[in-house]
C-alpha atoms as a PDB file:
ATOM      1  CA  MET A   1     -29.066 -22.085  -5.749  1.00  0.00           C
ATOM      2  CA  ASN A   2     -28.165 -22.184  -9.414  1.00  0.00           C
ATOM      3  CA  ASN A   3     -24.947 -23.573 -10.885  1.00  0.00           C
ATOM      4  CA  ILE A   4     -22.696 -20.521 -10.526  1.00  0.00           C
ATOM      5  CA  THR A   5     -23.517 -20.088  -6.849  1.00  0.00           C
ATOM      6  CA  GLU A   6     -23.238 -23.816  -6.167  1.00  0.00           C
ATOM      7  CA  ASN A   7     -19.930 -24.068  -8.024  1.00  0.00           C
ATOM      8  CA  TYR A   8     -18.508 -21.066  -6.193  1.00  0.00           C
ATOM      9  CA  HIS A   9     -19.352 -22.470  -2.746  1.00  0.00           C
ATOM     10  CA  LYS A  10     -17.964 -25.887  -3.712  1.00  0.00           C
ATOM     11  CA  ILE A  11     -14.633 -24.372  -4.795  1.00  0.00           C
ATOM     12  CA  LYS A  12     -14.463 -22.140  -1.692  1.00  0.00           C
ATOM     13  CA  GLU A  13     -14.922 -25.183   0.548  1.00  0.00           C
ATOM     14  CA  GLU A  14     -12.082 -27.008  -1.234  1.00  0.00           C
ATOM     15  CA  ILE A  15      -9.567 -24.186  -0.949  1.00  0.00           C
ATOM     16  CA  PRO A  16      -7.670 -23.667   2.321  1.00  0.00           C
ATOM     17  CA  LYS A  17      -8.506 -20.429   4.098  1.00  0.00           C
ATOM     18  CA  ASP A  18      -4.971 -19.103   3.652  1.00  0.00           C
ATOM     19  CA  VAL A  19      -5.178 -19.402  -0.159  1.00  0.00           C
ATOM     20  CA  LYS A  20      -6.826 -16.495  -1.965  1.00  0.00           C
ATOM     21  CA  LEU A  21      -9.328 -17.315  -4.711  1.00  0.00           C
ATOM     22  CA  ILE A  22      -9.215 -14.993  -7.708  1.00  0.00           C
ATOM     23  CA  VAL A  23     -12.412 -15.603  -9.696  1.00  0.00           C
ATOM     24  CA  ILE A  24     -11.563 -15.253 -13.379  1.00  0.00           C
ATOM     25  CA  SER A  25     -14.462 -13.484 -15.036  1.00  0.00           C
ATOM     26  CA  LYS A  26     -13.205 -12.984 -18.608  1.00  0.00           C
ATOM     27  CA  THR A  27     -16.010 -13.202 -21.213  1.00  0.00           C
ATOM     28  CA  LYS A  28     -18.556 -13.319 -18.371  1.00  0.00           C
ATOM     29  CA  THR A  29     -21.469 -10.916 -18.058  1.00  0.00           C
ATOM     30  CA  GLU A  30     -21.926  -8.376 -15.308  1.00  0.00           C
ATOM     31  CA  SER A  31     -24.863 -10.407 -13.972  1.00  0.00           C
ATOM     32  CA  ASP A  32     -22.672 -13.538 -13.760  1.00  0.00           C
ATOM     33  CA  ILE A  33     -20.038 -11.567 -11.844  1.00  0.00           C
ATOM     34  CA  LEU A  34     -22.654 -10.058  -9.538  1.00  0.00           C
ATOM     35  CA  GLU A  35     -23.871 -13.536  -8.702  1.00  0.00           C
ATOM     36  CA  VAL A  36     -20.456 -14.410  -7.279  1.00  0.00           C
ATOM     37  CA  TYR A  37     -20.156 -10.932  -5.747  1.00  0.00           C
ATOM     38  CA  ASN A  38     -23.441 -11.503  -3.926  1.00  0.00           C
ATOM     39  CA  CYS A  39     -21.913 -14.607  -2.324  1.00  0.00           C
ATOM     40  CA  GLY A  40     -19.562 -12.174  -0.571  1.00  0.00           C
ATOM     41  CA  HIS A  41     -16.635 -12.536  -2.986  1.00  0.00           C
ATOM     42  CA  ARG A  42     -14.546  -9.480  -3.884  1.00  0.00           C
ATOM     43  CA  PHE A  43     -11.497 -10.733  -5.841  1.00  0.00           C
ATOM     44  CA  PHE A  44     -11.955 -10.977  -9.602  1.00  0.00           C
ATOM     45  CA  GLY A  45      -9.475 -11.398 -12.431  1.00  0.00           C
ATOM     46  CA  GLU A  46      -9.547 -10.379 -16.084  1.00  0.00           C
ATOM     47  CA  SER A  47      -7.141 -11.104 -18.950  1.00  0.00           C
ATOM     48  CA  LYS A  48      -7.774  -8.161 -21.261  1.00  0.00           C
ATOM     49  CA  VAL A  49      -7.684  -4.473 -20.431  1.00  0.00           C
ATOM     50  CA  GLN A  50     -10.405  -3.670 -22.969  1.00  0.00           C
ATOM     51  CA  GLU A  51     -12.761  -6.079 -21.209  1.00  0.00           C
ATOM     52  CA  LEU A  52     -11.740  -5.122 -17.688  1.00  0.00           C
ATOM     53  CA  THR A  53     -12.158  -1.350 -17.849  1.00  0.00           C
ATOM     54  CA  PRO A  54     -15.893  -1.227 -18.723  1.00  0.00           C
ATOM     55  CA  LYS A  55     -16.656  -3.875 -16.097  1.00  0.00           C
ATOM     56  CA  ALA A  56     -14.746  -1.975 -13.433  1.00  0.00           C
ATOM     57  CA  GLU A  57     -16.707   1.150 -14.317  1.00  0.00           C
ATOM     58  CA  LYS A  58     -20.133  -0.478 -14.024  1.00  0.00           C
ATOM     59  CA  LEU A  59     -19.669  -2.994 -11.218  1.00  0.00           C
ATOM     60  CA  PRO A  60     -19.388  -2.281  -7.446  1.00  0.00           C
ATOM     61  CA  LYS A  61     -16.368  -0.228  -6.463  1.00  0.00           C
ATOM     62  CA  ASP A  62     -15.281  -2.518  -3.640  1.00  0.00           C
ATOM     63  CA  ILE A  63     -14.279  -5.243  -6.111  1.00  0.00           C
ATOM     64  CA  GLU A  64     -10.524  -5.810  -6.125  1.00  0.00           C
ATOM     65  CA  TRP A  65      -9.565  -6.341  -9.768  1.00  0.00           C
ATOM     66  CA  HIS A  66      -6.590  -8.477 -10.763  1.00  0.00           C
ATOM     67  CA  LEU A  67      -5.102  -8.348 -14.258  1.00  0.00           C
ATOM     68  CA  VAL A  68      -3.896 -11.886 -15.021  1.00  0.00           C
ATOM     69  CA  GLY A  69      -3.309 -11.803 -18.788  1.00  0.00           C
ATOM     70  CA  HIS A  70      -0.444 -10.496 -20.861  1.00  0.00           C
ATOM     71  CA  LEU A  71      -0.219  -6.709 -20.476  1.00  0.00           C
ATOM     72  CA  GLN A  72       1.058  -4.357 -23.153  1.00  0.00           C
ATOM     73  CA  ARG A  73       2.790  -1.215 -21.942  1.00  0.00           C
ATOM     74  CA  ASN A  74       0.458   1.083 -23.879  1.00  0.00           C
ATOM     75  CA  LYS A  75      -2.553  -0.341 -21.971  1.00  0.00           C
ATOM     76  CA  VAL A  76      -1.238   0.240 -18.429  1.00  0.00           C
ATOM     77  CA  LYS A  77      -2.623   3.792 -18.254  1.00  0.00           C
ATOM     78  CA  TYR A  78      -6.203   2.515 -18.544  1.00  0.00           C
ATOM     79  CA  ILE A  79      -6.046   0.304 -15.448  1.00  0.00           C
ATOM     80  CA  ALA A  80      -3.582   2.257 -13.296  1.00  0.00           C
ATOM     81  CA  PRO A  81      -6.305   4.300 -11.527  1.00  0.00           C
ATOM     82  CA  PHE A  82      -8.015   1.249 -10.010  1.00  0.00           C
ATOM     83  CA  ILE A  83      -6.208  -2.082 -10.488  1.00  0.00           C
ATOM     84  CA  SER A  84      -5.553  -4.009  -7.264  1.00  0.00           C
ATOM     85  CA  MET A  85      -2.831  -6.318  -8.554  1.00  0.00           C
ATOM     86  CA  ILE A  86      -1.097  -7.096 -11.849  1.00  0.00           C
ATOM     87  CA  HIS A  87      -0.058 -10.774 -11.993  1.00  0.00           C
ATOM     88  CA  SER A  88       1.696 -10.650 -15.345  1.00  0.00           C
ATOM     89  CA  VAL A  89       4.696  -8.319 -15.156  1.00  0.00           C
ATOM     90  CA  ASP A  90       7.252 -10.010 -17.402  1.00  0.00           C
ATOM     91  CA  SER A  91       9.843  -7.319 -18.146  1.00  0.00           C
ATOM     92  CA  PHE A  92      11.611  -4.364 -16.590  1.00  0.00           C
ATOM     93  CA  LYS A  93      10.156  -2.057 -19.251  1.00  0.00           C
ATOM     94  CA  LEU A  94       6.645  -3.053 -18.206  1.00  0.00           C
ATOM     95  CA  LEU A  95       7.483  -2.640 -14.525  1.00  0.00           C
ATOM     96  CA  LYS A  96       8.791   0.874 -15.205  1.00  0.00           C
ATOM     97  CA  GLU A  97       5.610   1.759 -17.088  1.00  0.00           C
ATOM     98  CA  VAL A  98       3.422   0.495 -14.242  1.00  0.00           C
ATOM     99  CA  ASN A  99       5.522   2.549 -11.810  1.00  0.00           C
ATOM    100  CA  LYS A 100       5.140   5.665 -13.964  1.00  0.00           C
ATOM    101  CA  ARG A 101       1.370   5.311 -14.380  1.00  0.00           C
ATOM    102  CA  ALA A 102       0.893   4.474 -10.697  1.00  0.00           C
ATOM    103  CA  GLY A 103       2.790   7.648  -9.818  1.00  0.00           C
ATOM    104  CA  ASN A 104       0.561   9.678 -12.133  1.00  0.00           C
ATOM    105  CA  ASN A 105      -2.403   8.413 -10.112  1.00  0.00           C
ATOM    106  CA  ASP A 106      -0.763   8.824  -6.678  1.00  0.00           C
ATOM    107  CA  ARG A 107      -0.950   5.086  -6.144  1.00  0.00           C
ATOM    108  CA  ILE A 108       1.292   2.140  -5.356  1.00  0.00           C
ATOM    109  CA  ILE A 109       0.329  -0.839  -7.512  1.00  0.00           C
ATOM    110  CA  ASN A 110       0.880  -4.397  -6.307  1.00  0.00           C
ATOM    111  CA  CYS A 111       2.634  -6.578  -8.882  1.00  0.00           C
ATOM    112  CA  LEU A 112       3.631 -10.193  -9.356  1.00  0.00           C
ATOM    113  CA  LEU A 113       6.535 -11.090 -11.624  1.00  0.00           C
ATOM    114  CA  GLN A 114       5.522 -13.693 -14.184  1.00  0.00           C
ATOM    115  CA  MET A 115       7.820 -16.670 -14.665  1.00  0.00           C
ATOM    116  CA  HIS A 116       7.909 -18.953 -17.685  1.00  0.00           C
ATOM    117  CA  ILE A 117       7.662 -22.485 -16.275  1.00  0.00           C
ATOM    118  CA  ALA A 118       5.712 -24.329 -19.005  1.00  0.00           C
ATOM    119  CA  GLU A 119       7.060 -26.333 -21.903  1.00  0.00           C
ATOM    120  CA  GLU A 120       4.882 -24.227 -24.193  1.00  0.00           C
ATOM    121  CA  SER A 121       6.549 -21.345 -25.996  1.00  0.00           C
ATOM    122  CA  THR A 122       3.198 -19.527 -26.300  1.00  0.00           C
ATOM    123  CA  LYS A 123       3.142 -18.717 -22.602  1.00  0.00           C
ATOM    124  CA  PHE A 124       4.739 -15.488 -21.390  1.00  0.00           C
ATOM    125  CA  GLY A 125       7.127 -15.004 -18.495  1.00  0.00           C
ATOM    126  CA  MET A 126      10.745 -14.619 -17.480  1.00  0.00           C
ATOM    127  CA  THR A 127      13.492 -17.163 -16.973  1.00  0.00           C
ATOM    128  CA  SER A 128      15.270 -17.312 -13.609  1.00  0.00           C
ATOM    129  CA  GLU A 129      18.208 -15.492 -15.184  1.00  0.00           C
ATOM    130  CA  GLU A 130      15.971 -12.680 -16.425  1.00  0.00           C
ATOM    131  CA  LEU A 131      14.305 -12.433 -13.012  1.00  0.00           C
ATOM    132  CA  ASN A 132      17.673 -12.113 -11.285  1.00  0.00           C
ATOM    133  CA  GLU A 133      18.814  -9.524 -13.786  1.00  0.00           C
ATOM    134  CA  LEU A 134      15.658  -7.451 -13.294  1.00  0.00           C
ATOM    135  CA  LEU A 135      15.885  -7.485  -9.495  1.00  0.00           C
ATOM    136  CA  SER A 136      19.627  -6.782  -9.539  1.00  0.00           C
ATOM    137  CA  ARG A 137      19.265  -3.565 -11.538  1.00  0.00           C
ATOM    138  CA  PRO A 138      20.192  -0.487  -9.491  1.00  0.00           C
ATOM    139  CA  GLU A 139      17.185   1.230 -11.029  1.00  0.00           C
ATOM    140  CA  PHE A 140      14.792  -1.341  -9.514  1.00  0.00           C
ATOM    141  CA  SER A 141      15.063   0.168  -6.034  1.00  0.00           C
ATOM    142  CA  SER A 142      14.099   3.582  -7.405  1.00  0.00           C
ATOM    143  CA  LEU A 143      10.630   2.368  -8.463  1.00  0.00           C
ATOM    144  CA  LYS A 144       8.614   3.751  -5.569  1.00  0.00           C
ATOM    145  CA  ASN A 145       5.097   3.298  -6.965  1.00  0.00           C
ATOM    146  CA  ILE A 146       5.141  -0.468  -7.420  1.00  0.00           C
ATOM    147  CA  ASN A 147       5.081  -3.130  -4.748  1.00  0.00           C
ATOM    148  CA  VAL A 148       6.449  -6.502  -5.878  1.00  0.00           C
ATOM    149  CA  CYS A 149       4.491  -9.034  -3.829  1.00  0.00           C
ATOM    150  CA  GLY A 150       5.628 -12.332  -5.344  1.00  0.00           C
ATOM    151  CA  LEU A 151       5.644 -14.500  -8.457  1.00  0.00           C
ATOM    152  CA  MET A 152       3.120 -15.967 -10.897  1.00  0.00           C
ATOM    153  CA  GLY A 153       3.377 -18.850 -13.336  1.00  0.00           C
ATOM    154  CA  MET A 154       1.268 -21.044 -15.627  1.00  0.00           C
ATOM    155  CA  ALA A 155       2.016 -24.730 -15.973  1.00  0.00           C
ATOM    156  CA  THR A 156       1.947 -26.647 -19.238  1.00  0.00           C
ATOM    157  CA  PHE A 157      -1.602 -27.494 -20.372  1.00  0.00           C
ATOM    158  CA  THR A 158      -1.394 -31.246 -20.022  1.00  0.00           C
ATOM    159  CA  ASP A 159      -3.095 -34.206 -18.347  1.00  0.00           C
ATOM    160  CA  ASP A 160       0.286 -35.249 -16.945  1.00  0.00           C
ATOM    161  CA  LYS A 161      -0.066 -34.154 -13.337  1.00  0.00           C
ATOM    162  CA  ASN A 162       3.534 -35.128 -12.602  1.00  0.00           C
ATOM    163  CA  GLN A 163       4.761 -32.597 -15.133  1.00  0.00           C
ATOM    164  CA  VAL A 164       2.510 -29.889 -13.667  1.00  0.00           C
ATOM    165  CA  LYS A 165       3.732 -30.806 -10.184  1.00  0.00           C
ATOM    166  CA  LYS A 166       7.356 -30.560 -11.322  1.00  0.00           C
ATOM    167  CA  GLU A 167       6.776 -27.120 -12.880  1.00  0.00           C
ATOM    168  CA  PHE A 168       4.973 -25.776  -9.811  1.00  0.00           C
ATOM    169  CA  LYS A 169       7.652 -27.185  -7.499  1.00  0.00           C
ATOM    170  CA  SER A 170      10.284 -25.405  -9.585  1.00  0.00           C
ATOM    171  CA  LEU A 171       8.357 -22.125  -9.325  1.00  0.00           C
ATOM    172  CA  TYR A 172       7.995 -22.536  -5.559  1.00  0.00           C
ATOM    173  CA  ASN A 173      11.753 -23.032  -5.228  1.00  0.00           C
ATOM    174  CA  THR A 174      12.365 -19.924  -7.362  1.00  0.00           C
ATOM    175  CA  PHE A 175       9.986 -18.018  -5.093  1.00  0.00           C
ATOM    176  CA  LEU A 176      11.900 -19.116  -1.971  1.00  0.00           C
ATOM    177  CA  SER A 177      15.328 -18.304  -3.404  1.00  0.00           C
ATOM    178  CA  THR A 178      14.110 -14.937  -4.722  1.00  0.00           C
ATOM    179  CA  LYS A 179      12.652 -14.027  -1.351  1.00  0.00           C
ATOM    180  CA  GLU A 180      15.862 -14.972   0.408  1.00  0.00           C
ATOM    181  CA  LYS A 181      18.117 -13.122  -2.032  1.00  0.00           C
ATOM    182  CA  PHE A 182      16.125  -9.945  -2.738  1.00  0.00           C
ATOM    183  CA  PHE A 183      13.178  -9.615  -0.314  1.00  0.00           C
ATOM    184  CA  SER A 184      14.298 -11.147   2.986  1.00  0.00           C
ATOM    185  CA  THR A 185      13.294  -8.002   4.898  1.00  0.00           C
ATOM    186  CA  LYS A 186      10.085  -7.379   2.959  1.00  0.00           C
ATOM    187  CA  PRO A 187       7.011  -9.150   4.420  1.00  0.00           C
ATOM    188  CA  ASP A 188       4.882  -8.116   1.421  1.00  0.00           C
ATOM    189  CA  PHE A 189       6.793 -10.538  -0.809  1.00  0.00           C
ATOM    190  CA  LYS A 190       4.614 -13.513   0.098  1.00  0.00           C
ATOM    191  CA  GLU A 191       2.349 -14.320  -2.858  1.00  0.00           C
ATOM    192  CA  LEU A 192       2.714 -17.208  -5.261  1.00  0.00           C
ATOM    193  CA  SER A 193      -0.032 -17.197  -7.904  1.00  0.00           C
ATOM    194  CA  MET A 194      -0.176 -20.660  -9.469  1.00  0.00           C
ATOM    195  CA  GLY A 195      -3.051 -22.946 -10.303  1.00  0.00           C
ATOM    196  CA  MET A 196      -6.151 -22.623 -12.460  1.00  0.00           C
ATOM    197  CA  THR A 197      -9.300 -24.720 -12.937  1.00  0.00           C
ATOM    198  CA  ASP A 198      -7.440 -27.785 -14.231  1.00  0.00           C
ATOM    199  CA  ASP A 199      -4.513 -27.746 -11.823  1.00  0.00           C
ATOM    200  CA  TYR A 200      -5.312 -25.634  -8.762  1.00  0.00           C
ATOM    201  CA  GLN A 201      -5.212 -28.634  -6.399  1.00  0.00           C
ATOM    202  CA  VAL A 202      -1.641 -29.345  -7.510  1.00  0.00           C
ATOM    203  CA  GLY A 203      -0.807 -25.654  -7.184  1.00  0.00           C
ATOM    204  CA  ILE A 204      -2.058 -25.597  -3.600  1.00  0.00           C
ATOM    205  CA  GLU A 205      -0.117 -28.779  -2.765  1.00  0.00           C
ATOM    206  CA  GLU A 206       3.051 -27.132  -4.089  1.00  0.00           C
ATOM    207  CA  GLY A 207       2.699 -23.909  -2.088  1.00  0.00           C
ATOM    208  CA  SER A 208       0.387 -21.586  -4.019  1.00  0.00           C
ATOM    209  CA  THR A 209      -1.093 -18.673  -2.068  1.00  0.00           C
ATOM    210  CA  MET A 210      -3.427 -17.591  -4.909  1.00  0.00           C
ATOM    211  CA  VAL A 211      -5.426 -19.642  -7.398  1.00  0.00           C
ATOM    212  CA  ARG A 212      -7.089 -18.254 -10.531  1.00  0.00           C
ATOM    213  CA  ILE A 213     -10.342 -20.086 -11.239  1.00  0.00           C
ATOM    214  CA  GLY A 214     -13.030 -19.279 -13.790  1.00  0.00           C
ATOM    215  CA  THR A 215     -14.303 -22.301 -15.712  1.00  0.00           C
ATOM    216  CA  ALA A 216     -14.977 -24.414 -12.609  1.00  0.00           C
ATOM    217  CA  ILE A 217     -17.289 -21.644 -11.348  1.00  0.00           C
ATOM    218  CA  PHE A 218     -18.901 -20.188 -14.466  1.00  0.00           C
ATOM    219  CA  GLY A 219     -18.803 -23.238 -16.760  1.00  0.00           C
ATOM    220  CA  LYS A 220     -17.135 -23.552 -20.144  1.00  0.00           C
ATOM    221  CA  ARG A 221     -16.085 -20.255 -21.678  1.00  0.00           C
ATOM    222  CA  GLU A 222     -17.538 -19.002 -24.931  1.00  0.00           C
ATOM    223  CA  GLN A 223     -14.775 -18.339 -27.448  1.00  0.00           C
END
């Protein structure tokens, strides 16, 4: 086994069976992705639409693609025909656009609402107030071609694990209160996407159901 295969199996063994591993394949070649695919893995994540669409076209059709990076409304139409889940919905305008494009393709697209939990202003996401406002809109219930399945967040990039733990704990509590207030009768609202290569263990400890890991499997990313 070479490094990618070894790394993948090592990560899979570390992650509880009830936590879904999204392998982040941005900047990686089709052959790198196929190596993980050939281990039996089917969940891959990309950050940029312009990188995702050609890969989705060329690689096996049973891959479930997740869009994890910031998504501009004018790019939704390119991924709407095939995307499995969008992790990074951070506004009502974007949610409406996803709903519209999903409808055009006779699909229902799974979405996670992205929360801003880090102390870094460069990261995207909503505040708790903005989340409540979005879900309280009368128009929200009319969006029939999206399926809100949970929340996503990125912790501050820091070596201070206590800070990361605090941010993830806060997101978990927001997830619980949101489920109780808006989705108590909806079993699909069950996903909490938090944790990447540097902090996925903390994410899992704090209740993550999905981790997004690339570097620990493929090695350091080329810029």
